[in-house]
Amino acid sequence: MQLEGSEMSNYAEATTLNEPPRGHARIVYLGAVSPHWEVYGDYGDQNLLEEFRARTLARLILLPRNDPQFRRNQERVNKDAERERISIEWELGYAVAAVAAVATEPVVVATEPVANPVE
């Protein structure tokens, strides 16, 4: 059976990169105790952001960031935001490029054996 005219597709139409975002949301990890997540709308249509917040929290609210299901749902949230043209920012609570402090004092190494004072 052939389809004439328009064919059905399982994929959403890709948005062009030239379109500006309709809003911005920050998704913040609150910690190990439930609720784990909060979504803050920084700018844009409040109704759009509230609907996005509800869908996002439905996917994430009971999942800590180290749960295997989190990665799958994070990708779903990213696709939802892309479809709605909402720019998102994830704040997962990880330290940003932790740099080890280097000691500034020189290390003294003994090259001669130390005499035993008790003999």
PDB file of N, CA and C in Angstrom:
ATOM      1  N   MET A   1       0.846  -1.175   0.000  1.00  0.00           N
ATOM      2  CA  MET A   1       0.000   0.000   0.000  1.00  0.00           C
ATOM      3  C   MET A   1       0.893   1.239   0.000  1.00  0.00           C
ATOM      4  N   GLN A   2       0.661   2.119  -0.924  1.00  0.00           N
ATOM      5  CA  GLN A   2       1.431   3.345  -1.013  1.00  0.00           C
ATOM      6  C   GLN A   2       0.602   4.508  -0.524  1.00  0.00           C
ATOM      7  N   LEU A   3       1.275   5.427   0.159  1.00  0.00           N
ATOM      8  CA  LEU A   3       0.606   6.635   0.625  1.00  0.00           C
ATOM      9  C   LEU A   3       0.765   7.718  -0.423  1.00  0.00           C
ATOM     10  N   GLU A   4      -0.311   8.336  -0.789  1.00  0.00           N
ATOM     11  CA  GLU A   4      -0.231   9.429  -1.733  1.00  0.00           C
ATOM     12  C   GLU A   4      -0.306  10.748  -0.968  1.00  0.00           C
ATOM     13  N   GLY A   5       0.298  11.753  -1.524  1.00  0.00           N
ATOM     14  CA  GLY A   5       0.271  13.051  -0.852  1.00  0.00           C
ATOM     15  C   GLY A   5       1.312  13.092   0.249  1.00  0.00           C
ATOM     16  N   SER A   6       0.880  13.463   1.437  1.00  0.00           N
ATOM     17  CA  SER A   6       1.832  13.583   2.551  1.00  0.00           C
ATOM     18  C   SER A   6       2.014  12.249   3.239  1.00  0.00           C
ATOM     19  N   GLU A   7       3.257  11.948   3.554  1.00  0.00           N
ATOM     20  CA  GLU A   7       3.557  10.716   4.272  1.00  0.00           C
ATOM     21  C   GLU A   7       3.672  11.027   5.756  1.00  0.00           C
ATOM     22  N   MET A   8       3.293  10.068   6.574  1.00  0.00           N
ATOM     23  CA  MET A   8       3.378  10.258   8.019  1.00  0.00           C
ATOM     24  C   MET A   8       4.800   9.981   8.475  1.00  0.00           C
ATOM     25  N   SER A   9       5.222  10.679   9.497  1.00  0.00           N
ATOM     26  CA  SER A   9       6.565  10.519  10.031  1.00  0.00           C
ATOM     27  C   SER A   9       6.486  10.382  11.546  1.00  0.00           C
ATOM     28  N   ASN A  10       7.398   9.605  12.112  1.00  0.00           N
ATOM     29  CA  ASN A  10       7.469   9.437  13.560  1.00  0.00           C
ATOM     30  C   ASN A  10       8.318  10.511  14.219  1.00  0.00           C
ATOM     31  N   TYR A  11       8.931  11.363  13.421  1.00  0.00           N
ATOM     32  CA  TYR A  11       9.847  12.359  13.946  1.00  0.00           C
ATOM     33  C   TYR A  11       9.216  13.748  13.909  1.00  0.00           C
ATOM     34  N   ALA A  12       9.494  14.505  14.954  1.00  0.00           N
ATOM     35  CA  ALA A  12       9.021  15.886  14.984  1.00  0.00           C
ATOM     36  C   ALA A  12       9.853  16.702  14.002  1.00  0.00           C
ATOM     37  N   GLU A  13       9.252  17.709  13.419  1.00  0.00           N
ATOM     38  CA  GLU A  13       9.983  18.561  12.491  1.00  0.00           C
ATOM     39  C   GLU A  13      11.056  19.337  13.251  1.00  0.00           C
ATOM     40  N   ALA A  14      12.226  19.384  12.658  1.00  0.00           N
ATOM     41  CA  ALA A  14      13.335  20.098  13.294  1.00  0.00           C
ATOM     42  C   ALA A  14      13.087  21.600  13.199  1.00  0.00           C
ATOM     43  N   THR A  15      13.357  22.304  14.289  1.00  0.00           N
ATOM     44  CA  THR A  15      13.215  23.755  14.269  1.00  0.00           C
ATOM     45  C   THR A  15      14.487  24.352  13.694  1.00  0.00           C
ATOM     46  N   THR A  16      14.366  25.469  13.053  1.00  0.00           N
ATOM     47  CA  THR A  16      15.551  26.105  12.499  1.00  0.00           C
ATOM     48  C   THR A  16      16.331  26.789  13.609  1.00  0.00           C
ATOM     49  N   LEU A  17      17.625  26.874  13.405  1.00  0.00           N
ATOM     50  CA  LEU A  17      18.482  27.460  14.430  1.00  0.00           C
ATOM     51  C   LEU A  17      18.352  28.978  14.496  1.00  0.00           C
ATOM     52  N   ASN A  18      17.716  29.589  13.489  1.00  0.00           N
ATOM     53  CA  ASN A  18      17.594  31.037  13.455  1.00  0.00           C
ATOM     54  C   ASN A  18      16.481  31.554  14.351  1.00  0.00           C
ATOM     55  N   GLU A  19      15.614  30.691  14.808  1.00  0.00           N
ATOM     56  CA  GLU A  19      14.498  31.131  15.646  1.00  0.00           C
ATOM     57  C   GLU A  19      14.992  31.366  17.074  1.00  0.00           C
ATOM     58  N   PRO A  20      14.654  32.510  17.653  1.00  0.00           N
ATOM     59  CA  PRO A  20      15.089  32.777  19.029  1.00  0.00           C
ATOM     60  C   PRO A  20      14.284  31.923  20.016  1.00  0.00           C
ATOM     61  N   PRO A  21      14.861  31.645  21.184  1.00  0.00           N
ATOM     62  CA  PRO A  21      14.111  30.885  22.183  1.00  0.00           C
ATOM     63  C   PRO A  21      12.899  31.676  22.674  1.00  0.00           C
ATOM     64  N   ARG A  22      11.847  30.947  23.016  1.00  0.00           N
ATOM     65  CA  ARG A  22      10.628  31.580  23.527  1.00  0.00           C
ATOM     66  C   ARG A  22      10.698  31.779  25.035  1.00  0.00           C
ATOM     67  N   GLY A  23      11.698  31.195  25.672  1.00  0.00           N
ATOM     68  CA  GLY A  23      11.852  31.317  27.117  1.00  0.00           C
ATOM     69  C   GLY A  23      13.130  30.627  27.554  1.00  0.00           C
ATOM     70  N   HIS A  24      13.446  30.760  28.829  1.00  0.00           N
ATOM     71  CA  HIS A  24      14.631  30.112  29.398  1.00  0.00           C
ATOM     72  C   HIS A  24      14.260  29.546  30.760  1.00  0.00           C
ATOM     73  N   ALA A  25      14.727  28.326  31.029  1.00  0.00           N
ATOM     74  CA  ALA A  25      14.462  27.679  32.309  1.00  0.00           C
ATOM     75  C   ALA A  25      15.754  27.107  32.872  1.00  0.00           C
ATOM     76  N   ARG A  26      15.872  27.184  34.180  1.00  0.00           N
ATOM     77  CA  ARG A  26      16.987  26.550  34.898  1.00  0.00           C
ATOM     78  C   ARG A  26      16.419  25.368  35.655  1.00  0.00           C
ATOM     79  N   ILE A  27      17.049  24.207  35.484  1.00  0.00           N
ATOM     80  CA  ILE A  27      16.632  22.988  36.184  1.00  0.00           C
ATOM     81  C   ILE A  27      17.713  22.709  37.215  1.00  0.00           C
ATOM     82  N   VAL A  28      17.344  22.794  38.493  1.00  0.00           N
ATOM     83  CA  VAL A  28      18.324  22.763  39.584  1.00  0.00           C
ATOM     84  C   VAL A  28      18.129  21.515  40.427  1.00  0.00           C
ATOM     85  N   TYR A  29      19.247  20.804  40.677  1.00  0.00           N
ATOM     86  CA  TYR A  29      19.240  19.646  41.577  1.00  0.00           C
ATOM     87  C   TYR A  29      19.318  20.159  43.003  1.00  0.00           C
ATOM     88  N   LEU A  30      18.339  19.777  43.836  1.00  0.00           N
ATOM     89  CA  LEU A  30      18.266  20.282  45.209  1.00  0.00           C
ATOM     90  C   LEU A  30      19.009  19.420  46.216  1.00  0.00           C
ATOM     91  N   GLY A  31      19.255  18.168  45.897  1.00  0.00           N
ATOM     92  CA  GLY A  31      19.972  17.300  46.819  1.00  0.00           C
ATOM     93  C   GLY A  31      19.363  15.914  46.885  1.00  0.00           C
ATOM     94  N   ALA A  32      19.913  15.128  47.795  1.00  0.00           N
ATOM     95  CA  ALA A  32      19.547  13.719  47.886  1.00  0.00           C
ATOM     96  C   ALA A  32      18.165  13.478  48.494  1.00  0.00           C
ATOM     97  N   VAL A  33      17.606  14.458  49.170  1.00  0.00           N
ATOM     98  CA  VAL A  33      16.310  14.285  49.812  1.00  0.00           C
ATOM     99  C   VAL A  33      15.215  14.790  48.866  1.00  0.00           C
ATOM    100  N   SER A  34      14.167  13.998  48.711  1.00  0.00           N
ATOM    101  CA  SER A  34      13.073  14.361  47.802  1.00  0.00           C
ATOM    102  C   SER A  34      12.329  15.577  48.337  1.00  0.00           C
ATOM    103  N   PRO A  35      11.879  16.522  47.552  1.00  0.00           N
ATOM    104  CA  PRO A  35      11.971  16.563  46.088  1.00  0.00           C
ATOM    105  C   PRO A  35      13.378  16.920  45.648  1.00  0.00           C
ATOM    106  N   HIS A  36      13.829  16.239  44.599  1.00  0.00           N
ATOM    107  CA  HIS A  36      15.210  16.395  44.157  1.00  0.00           C
ATOM    108  C   HIS A  36      15.430  17.576  43.220  1.00  0.00           C
ATOM    109  N   TRP A  37      14.378  18.075  42.576  1.00  0.00           N
ATOM    110  CA  TRP A  37      14.528  19.052  41.498  1.00  0.00           C
ATOM    111  C   TRP A  37      13.599  20.242  41.658  1.00  0.00           C
ATOM    112  N   GLU A  38      14.005  21.376  41.099  1.00  0.00           N
ATOM    113  CA  GLU A  38      13.145  22.550  40.965  1.00  0.00           C
ATOM    114  C   GLU A  38      13.436  23.163  39.606  1.00  0.00           C
ATOM    115  N   VAL A  39      12.410  23.739  38.998  1.00  0.00           N
ATOM    116  CA  VAL A  39      12.536  24.378  37.689  1.00  0.00           C
ATOM    117  C   VAL A  39      12.175  25.846  37.859  1.00  0.00           C
ATOM    118  N   TYR A  40      13.090  26.726  37.456  1.00  0.00           N
ATOM    119  CA  TYR A  40      12.874  28.164  37.540  1.00  0.00           C
ATOM    120  C   TYR A  40      12.802  28.739  36.136  1.00  0.00           C
ATOM    121  N   GLY A  41      11.742  29.495  35.847  1.00  0.00           N
ATOM    122  CA  GLY A  41      11.624  30.176  34.574  1.00  0.00           C
ATOM    123  C   GLY A  41      12.264  31.546  34.678  1.00  0.00           C
ATOM    124  N   ASP A  42      13.322  31.789  33.890  1.00  0.00           N
ATOM    125  CA  ASP A  42      14.034  33.063  33.962  1.00  0.00           C
ATOM    126  C   ASP A  42      13.367  34.147  33.122  1.00  0.00           C
ATOM    127  N   TYR A  43      12.937  33.809  31.910  1.00  0.00           N
ATOM    128  CA  TYR A  43      12.213  34.782  31.084  1.00  0.00           C
ATOM    129  C   TYR A  43      11.382  34.025  30.067  1.00  0.00           C
ATOM    130  N   GLY A  44      10.385  34.697  29.537  1.00  0.00           N
ATOM    131  CA  GLY A  44       9.515  34.102  28.536  1.00  0.00           C
ATOM    132  C   GLY A  44       8.073  34.081  29.019  1.00  0.00           C
ATOM    133  N   ASP A  45       7.212  33.508  28.193  1.00  0.00           N
ATOM    134  CA  ASP A  45       5.793  33.402  28.504  1.00  0.00           C
ATOM    135  C   ASP A  45       5.599  32.525  29.742  1.00  0.00           C
ATOM    136  N   GLN A  46       4.968  33.079  30.768  1.00  0.00           N
ATOM    137  CA  GLN A  46       4.812  32.357  32.035  1.00  0.00           C
ATOM    138  C   GLN A  46       3.965  31.094  31.899  1.00  0.00           C
ATOM    139  N   ASN A  47       2.919  31.139  31.046  1.00  0.00           N
ATOM    140  CA  ASN A  47       2.099  29.940  30.840  1.00  0.00           C
ATOM    141  C   ASN A  47       2.914  28.826  30.191  1.00  0.00           C
ATOM    142  N   LEU A  48       3.710  29.179  29.188  1.00  0.00           N
ATOM    143  CA  LEU A  48       4.575  28.206  28.520  1.00  0.00           C
ATOM    144  C   LEU A  48       5.555  27.589  29.510  1.00  0.00           C
ATOM    145  N   LEU A  49       6.190  28.429  30.320  1.00  0.00           N
ATOM    146  CA  LEU A  49       7.174  27.945  31.284  1.00  0.00           C
ATOM    147  C   LEU A  49       6.530  27.110  32.391  1.00  0.00           C
ATOM    148  N   GLU A  50       5.319  27.472  32.813  1.00  0.00           N
ATOM    149  CA  GLU A  50       4.630  26.696  33.859  1.00  0.00           C
ATOM    150  C   GLU A  50       4.250  25.310  33.352  1.00  0.00           C
ATOM    151  N   GLU A  51       3.809  25.233  32.099  1.00  0.00           N
ATOM    152  CA  GLU A  51       3.484  23.925  31.515  1.00  0.00           C
ATOM    153  C   GLU A  51       4.749  23.077  31.362  1.00  0.00           C
ATOM    154  N   PHE A  52       5.841  23.709  30.923  1.00  0.00           N
ATOM    155  CA  PHE A  52       7.118  22.999  30.800  1.00  0.00           C
ATOM    156  C   PHE A  52       7.593  22.524  32.177  1.00  0.00           C
ATOM    157  N   ARG A  53       7.461  23.368  33.195  1.00  0.00           N
ATOM    158  CA  ARG A  53       7.854  23.015  34.559  1.00  0.00           C
ATOM    159  C   ARG A  53       7.086  21.796  35.042  1.00  0.00           C
ATOM    160  N   ALA A  54       5.772  21.771  34.798  1.00  0.00           N
ATOM    161  CA  ALA A  54       4.945  20.638  35.240  1.00  0.00           C
ATOM    162  C   ALA A  54       5.393  19.341  34.562  1.00  0.00           C
ATOM    163  N   ARG A  55       5.646  19.393  33.262  1.00  0.00           N
ATOM    164  CA  ARG A  55       6.092  18.186  32.548  1.00  0.00           C
ATOM    165  C   ARG A  55       7.471  17.735  33.023  1.00  0.00           C
ATOM    166  N   THR A  56       8.358  18.705  33.266  1.00  0.00           N
ATOM    167  CA  THR A  56       9.712  18.380  33.708  1.00  0.00           C
ATOM    168  C   THR A  56       9.697  17.747  35.098  1.00  0.00           C
ATOM    169  N   LEU A  57       8.960  18.350  36.014  1.00  0.00           N
ATOM    170  CA  LEU A  57       8.901  17.790  37.374  1.00  0.00           C
ATOM    171  C   LEU A  57       8.238  16.421  37.385  1.00  0.00           C
ATOM    172  N   ALA A  58       7.273  16.186  36.499  1.00  0.00           N
ATOM    173  CA  ALA A  58       6.648  14.860  36.419  1.00  0.00           C
ATOM    174  C   ALA A  58       7.678  13.800  36.038  1.00  0.00           C
ATOM    175  N   ARG A  59       8.668  14.192  35.248  1.00  0.00           N
ATOM    176  CA  ARG A  59       9.704  13.245  34.828  1.00  0.00           C
ATOM    177  C   ARG A  59      10.829  13.100  35.848  1.00  0.00           C
ATOM    178  N   LEU A  60      11.098  14.147  36.643  1.00  0.00           N
ATOM    179  CA  LEU A  60      12.319  14.151  37.456  1.00  0.00           C
ATOM    180  C   LEU A  60      12.126  14.146  38.962  1.00  0.00           C
ATOM    181  N   ILE A  61      10.985  14.560  39.472  1.00  0.00           N
ATOM    182  CA  ILE A  61      10.834  14.913  40.883  1.00  0.00           C
ATOM    183  C   ILE A  61      11.323  13.833  41.858  1.00  0.00           C
ATOM    184  N   LEU A  62      11.140  12.567  41.542  1.00  0.00           N
ATOM    185  CA  LEU A  62      11.525  11.505  42.472  1.00  0.00           C
ATOM    186  C   LEU A  62      12.845  10.830  42.104  1.00  0.00           C
ATOM    187  N   LEU A  63      13.544  11.356  41.108  1.00  0.00           N
ATOM    188  CA  LEU A  63      14.788  10.729  40.652  1.00  0.00           C
ATOM    189  C   LEU A  63      16.008  11.517  41.111  1.00  0.00           C
ATOM    190  N   PRO A  64      16.916  10.901  41.864  1.00  0.00           N
ATOM    191  CA  PRO A  64      18.190  11.567  42.137  1.00  0.00           C
ATOM    192  C   PRO A  64      19.040  11.557  40.872  1.00  0.00           C
ATOM    193  N   ARG A  65      20.040  12.422  40.815  1.00  0.00           N
ATOM    194  CA  ARG A  65      20.837  12.565  39.590  1.00  0.00           C
ATOM    195  C   ARG A  65      21.660  11.328  39.250  1.00  0.00           C
ATOM    196  N   ASN A  66      21.904  10.426  40.211  1.00  0.00           N
ATOM    197  CA  ASN A  66      22.695   9.224  39.935  1.00  0.00           C
ATOM    198  C   ASN A  66      21.822   8.011  39.592  1.00  0.00           C
ATOM    199  N   ASP A  67      20.516   8.175  39.487  1.00  0.00           N
ATOM    200  CA  ASP A  67      19.614   7.098  39.111  1.00  0.00           C
ATOM    201  C   ASP A  67      19.732   6.854  37.605  1.00  0.00           C
ATOM    202  N   PRO A  68      19.796   5.589  37.157  1.00  0.00           N
ATOM    203  CA  PRO A  68      19.899   5.315  35.723  1.00  0.00           C
ATOM    204  C   PRO A  68      18.724   5.888  34.922  1.00  0.00           C
ATOM    205  N   GLN A  69      17.555   5.954  35.503  1.00  0.00           N
ATOM    206  CA  GLN A  69      16.397   6.509  34.807  1.00  0.00           C
ATOM    207  C   GLN A  69      16.544   8.015  34.578  1.00  0.00           C
ATOM    208  N   PHE A  70      17.351   8.675  35.390  1.00  0.00           N
ATOM    209  CA  PHE A  70      17.541  10.119  35.250  1.00  0.00           C
ATOM    210  C   PHE A  70      18.093  10.482  33.877  1.00  0.00           C
ATOM    211  N   ARG A  71      19.090   9.742  33.401  1.00  0.00           N
ATOM    212  CA  ARG A  71      19.698  10.059  32.105  1.00  0.00           C
ATOM    213  C   ARG A  71      18.675   9.992  30.974  1.00  0.00           C
ATOM    214  N   ARG A  72      17.820   8.970  30.998  1.00  0.00           N
ATOM    215  CA  ARG A  72      16.788   8.845  29.965  1.00  0.00           C
ATOM    216  C   ARG A  72      15.799  10.000  30.050  1.00  0.00           C
ATOM    217  N   ASN A  73      15.371  10.322  31.257  1.00  0.00           N
ATOM    218  CA  ASN A  73      14.410  11.413  31.414  1.00  0.00           C
ATOM    219  C   ASN A  73      15.037  12.770  31.138  1.00  0.00           C
ATOM    220  N   GLN A  74      16.317  12.926  31.409  1.00  0.00           N
ATOM    221  CA  GLN A  74      17.003  14.174  31.090  1.00  0.00           C
ATOM    222  C   GLN A  74      16.965  14.404  29.580  1.00  0.00           C
ATOM    223  N   GLU A  75      17.183  13.351  28.819  1.00  0.00           N
ATOM    224  CA  GLU A  75      17.126  13.485  27.359  1.00  0.00           C
ATOM    225  C   GLU A  75      15.713  13.830  26.894  1.00  0.00           C
ATOM    226  N   ARG A  76      14.707  13.272  27.535  1.00  0.00           N
ATOM    227  CA  ARG A  76      13.314  13.604  27.198  1.00  0.00           C
ATOM    228  C   ARG A  76      13.013  15.070  27.493  1.00  0.00           C
ATOM    229  N   VAL A  77      13.517  15.571  28.607  1.00  0.00           N
ATOM    230  CA  VAL A  77      13.327  16.981  28.961  1.00  0.00           C
ATOM    231  C   VAL A  77      14.032  17.871  27.930  1.00  0.00           C
ATOM    232  N   ASN A  78      15.245  17.480  27.516  1.00  0.00           N
ATOM    233  CA  ASN A  78      15.972  18.251  26.510  1.00  0.00           C
ATOM    234  C   ASN A  78      15.189  18.321  25.195  1.00  0.00           C
ATOM    235  N   LYS A  79      14.621  17.191  24.778  1.00  0.00           N
ATOM    236  CA  LYS A  79      13.837  17.169  23.537  1.00  0.00           C
ATOM    237  C   LYS A  79      12.569  17.994  23.670  1.00  0.00           C
ATOM    238  N   ASP A  80      11.927  17.938  24.821  1.00  0.00           N
ATOM    239  CA  ASP A  80      10.727  18.739  25.074  1.00  0.00           C
ATOM    240  C   ASP A  80      11.063  20.225  24.978  1.00  0.00           C
ATOM    241  N   ALA A  81      12.172  20.621  25.586  1.00  0.00           N
ATOM    242  CA  ALA A  81      12.593  22.027  25.550  1.00  0.00           C
ATOM    243  C   ALA A  81      12.921  22.455  24.122  1.00  0.00           C
ATOM    244  N   GLU A  82      13.551  21.578  23.369  1.00  0.00           N
ATOM    245  CA  GLU A  82      13.879  21.900  21.980  1.00  0.00           C
ATOM    246  C   GLU A  82      12.611  22.083  21.147  1.00  0.00           C
ATOM    247  N   ARG A  83      11.641  21.198  21.355  1.00  0.00           N
ATOM    248  CA  ARG A  83      10.355  21.300  20.640  1.00  0.00           C
ATOM    249  C   ARG A  83       9.641  22.605  20.950  1.00  0.00           C
ATOM    250  N   GLU A  84       9.669  23.006  22.213  1.00  0.00           N
ATOM    251  CA  GLU A  84       8.975  24.217  22.662  1.00  0.00           C
ATOM    252  C   GLU A  84       9.816  25.479  22.468  1.00  0.00           C
ATOM    253  N   ARG A  85      11.056  25.304  21.994  1.00  0.00           N
ATOM    254  CA  ARG A  85      12.008  26.415  21.826  1.00  0.00           C
ATOM    255  C   ARG A  85      12.255  27.136  23.156  1.00  0.00           C
ATOM    256  N   ILE A  86      12.541  26.343  24.178  1.00  0.00           N
ATOM    257  CA  ILE A  86      12.913  26.877  25.490  1.00  0.00           C
ATOM    258  C   ILE A  86      14.377  26.521  25.711  1.00  0.00           C
ATOM    259  N   SER A  87      15.202  27.529  25.941  1.00  0.00           N
ATOM    260  CA  SER A  87      16.600  27.239  26.274  1.00  0.00           C
ATOM    261  C   SER A  87      16.636  26.799  27.734  1.00  0.00           C
ATOM    262  N   ILE A  88      17.425  25.771  28.008  1.00  0.00           N
ATOM    263  CA  ILE A  88      17.488  25.264  29.382  1.00  0.00           C
ATOM    264  C   ILE A  88      18.932  25.211  29.849  1.00  0.00           C
ATOM    265  N   GLU A  89      19.051  25.247  31.152  1.00  0.00           N
ATOM    266  CA  GLU A  89      20.353  25.191  31.818  1.00  0.00           C
ATOM    267  C   GLU A  89      20.214  24.201  32.963  1.00  0.00           C
ATOM    268  N   TRP A  90      21.072  23.192  32.979  1.00  0.00           N
ATOM    269  CA  TRP A  90      21.051  22.188  34.039  1.00  0.00           C
ATOM    270  C   TRP A  90      22.074  22.574  35.100  1.00  0.00           C
ATOM    271  N   GLU A  91      21.632  22.636  36.353  1.00  0.00           N
ATOM    272  CA  GLU A  91      22.541  22.839  37.490  1.00  0.00           C
ATOM    273  C   GLU A  91      22.485  21.564  38.325  1.00  0.00           C
ATOM    274  N   LEU A  92      23.451  20.673  38.053  1.00  0.00           N
ATOM    275  CA  LEU A  92      23.440  19.350  38.668  1.00  0.00           C
ATOM    276  C   LEU A  92      24.150  19.286  40.007  1.00  0.00           C
ATOM    277  N   GLY A  93      24.784  20.367  40.430  1.00  0.00           N
ATOM    278  CA  GLY A  93      25.417  20.395  41.744  1.00  0.00           C
ATOM    279  C   GLY A  93      26.799  19.790  41.796  1.00  0.00           C
ATOM    280  N   TYR A  94      27.382  19.502  40.636  1.00  0.00           N
ATOM    281  CA  TYR A  94      28.749  18.991  40.625  1.00  0.00           C
ATOM    282  C   TYR A  94      29.724  20.159  40.715  1.00  0.00           C
ATOM    283  N   ALA A  95      30.875  19.927  41.371  1.00  0.00           N
ATOM    284  CA  ALA A  95      31.907  20.961  41.457  1.00  0.00           C
ATOM    285  C   ALA A  95      32.459  21.207  40.059  1.00  0.00           C
ATOM    286  N   VAL A  96      32.703  22.456  39.748  1.00  0.00           N
ATOM    287  CA  VAL A  96      33.200  22.811  38.424  1.00  0.00           C
ATOM    288  C   VAL A  96      34.719  22.777  38.433  1.00  0.00           C
ATOM    289  N   ALA A  97      35.291  21.844  37.729  1.00  0.00           N
ATOM    290  CA  ALA A  97      36.746  21.718  37.540  1.00  0.00           C
ATOM    291  C   ALA A  97      37.517  21.966  38.829  1.00  0.00           C
ATOM    292  N   ALA A  98      37.314  21.084  39.786  1.00  0.00           N
ATOM    293  CA  ALA A  98      38.036  21.230  41.055  1.00  0.00           C
ATOM    294  C   ALA A  98      39.533  21.104  40.802  1.00  0.00           C
ATOM    295  N   VAL A  99      40.280  22.104  41.230  1.00  0.00           N
ATOM    296  CA  VAL A  99      41.723  22.140  41.012  1.00  0.00           C
ATOM    297  C   VAL A  99      42.409  21.882  42.348  1.00  0.00           C
ATOM    298  N   ALA A 100      43.326  20.945  42.335  1.00  0.00           N
ATOM    299  CA  ALA A 100      44.060  20.631  43.569  1.00  0.00           C
ATOM    300  C   ALA A 100      45.048  21.747  43.870  1.00  0.00           C
ATOM    301  N   ALA A 101      45.099  22.122  45.135  1.00  0.00           N
ATOM    302  CA  ALA A 101      46.025  23.175  45.547  1.00  0.00           C
ATOM    303  C   ALA A 101      47.438  22.602  45.590  1.00  0.00           C
ATOM    304  N   VAL A 102      48.381  23.368  45.119  1.00  0.00           N
ATOM    305  CA  VAL A 102      49.779  22.940  45.103  1.00  0.00           C
ATOM    306  C   VAL A 102      50.487  23.625  46.273  1.00  0.00           C
ATOM    307  N   ALA A 103      51.228  22.853  47.033  1.00  0.00           N
ATOM    308  CA  ALA A 103      51.964  23.415  48.175  1.00  0.00           C
ATOM    309  C   ALA A 103      53.050  24.357  47.668  1.00  0.00           C
ATOM    310  N   THR A 104      53.154  25.507  48.306  1.00  0.00           N
ATOM    311  CA  THR A 104      54.143  26.497  47.864  1.00  0.00           C
ATOM    312  C   THR A 104      55.471  26.350  48.602  1.00  0.00           C
ATOM    313  N   GLU A 105      55.479  25.637  49.702  1.00  0.00           N
ATOM    314  CA  GLU A 105      56.723  25.463  50.437  1.00  0.00           C
ATOM    315  C   GLU A 105      57.491  24.281  49.855  1.00  0.00           C
ATOM    316  N   PRO A 106      58.821  24.409  49.757  1.00  0.00           N
ATOM    317  CA  PRO A 106      59.614  23.305  49.204  1.00  0.00           C
ATOM    318  C   PRO A 106      59.652  22.121  50.170  1.00  0.00           C
ATOM    319  N   VAL A 107      59.776  20.965  49.608  1.00  0.00           N
ATOM    320  CA  VAL A 107      59.870  19.745  50.409  1.00  0.00           C
ATOM    321  C   VAL A 107      61.349  19.482  50.667  1.00  0.00           C
ATOM    322  N   VAL A 108      61.701  19.253  51.949  1.00  0.00           N
ATOM    323  CA  VAL A 108      63.090  19.001  52.327  1.00  0.00           C
ATOM    324  C   VAL A 108      63.286  17.497  52.408  1.00  0.00           C
ATOM    325  N   VAL A 109      64.295  17.012  51.680  1.00  0.00           N
ATOM    326  CA  VAL A 109      64.598  15.585  51.673  1.00  0.00           C
ATOM    327  C   VAL A 109      65.962  15.393  52.315  1.00  0.00           C
ATOM    328  N   ALA A 110      66.036  14.506  53.309  1.00  0.00           N
ATOM    329  CA  ALA A 110      67.308  14.235  53.987  1.00  0.00           C
ATOM    330  C   ALA A 110      68.153  13.325  53.099  1.00  0.00           C
ATOM    331  N   THR A 111      69.398  13.741  52.830  1.00  0.00           N
ATOM    332  CA  THR A 111      70.284  12.930  51.994  1.00  0.00           C
ATOM    333  C   THR A 111      71.289  12.150  52.839  1.00  0.00           C
ATOM    334  N   GLU A 112      71.462  12.547  54.102  1.00  0.00           N
ATOM    335  CA  GLU A 112      72.376  11.844  54.984  1.00  0.00           C
ATOM    336  C   GLU A 112      71.563  11.153  56.067  1.00  0.00           C
ATOM    337  N   PRO A 113      72.027  10.010  56.546  1.00  0.00           N
ATOM    338  CA  PRO A 113      71.307   9.327  57.612  1.00  0.00           C
ATOM    339  C   PRO A 113      71.299  10.172  58.894  1.00  0.00           C
ATOM    340  N   VAL A 114      70.188  10.112  59.605  1.00  0.00           N
ATOM    341  CA  VAL A 114      70.049  10.862  60.843  1.00  0.00           C
ATOM    342  C   VAL A 114      70.676  10.039  61.968  1.00  0.00           C
ATOM    343  N   ALA A 115      71.488  10.727  62.780  1.00  0.00           N
ATOM    344  CA  ALA A 115      72.172  10.032  63.893  1.00  0.00           C
ATOM    345  C   ALA A 115      71.153   9.674  64.965  1.00  0.00           C
ATOM    346  N   ASN A 116      71.277   8.505  65.532  1.00  0.00           N
ATOM    347  CA  ASN A 116      70.394   8.051  66.603  1.00  0.00           C
ATOM    348  C   ASN A 116      70.903   8.626  67.920  1.00  0.00           C
ATOM    349  N   PRO A 117      70.107   9.531  68.546  1.00  0.00           N
ATOM    350  CA  PRO A 117      70.592  10.171  69.767  1.00  0.00           C
ATOM    351  C   PRO A 117      70.671   9.235  70.965  1.00  0.00           C
ATOM    352  N   VAL A 118      69.980   8.124  70.946  1.00  0.00           N
ATOM    353  CA  VAL A 118      69.993   7.204  72.099  1.00  0.00           C
ATOM    354  C   VAL A 118      70.936   6.054  71.763  1.00  0.00           C
ATOM    355  N   GLU A 119      72.120   6.035  72.425  1.00  0.00           N
ATOM    356  CA  GLU A 119      73.049   4.943  72.228  1.00  0.00           C
ATOM    357  C   GLU A 119      73.682   4.549  73.514  1.00  0.00           C
TER     358      GLU A 119
END
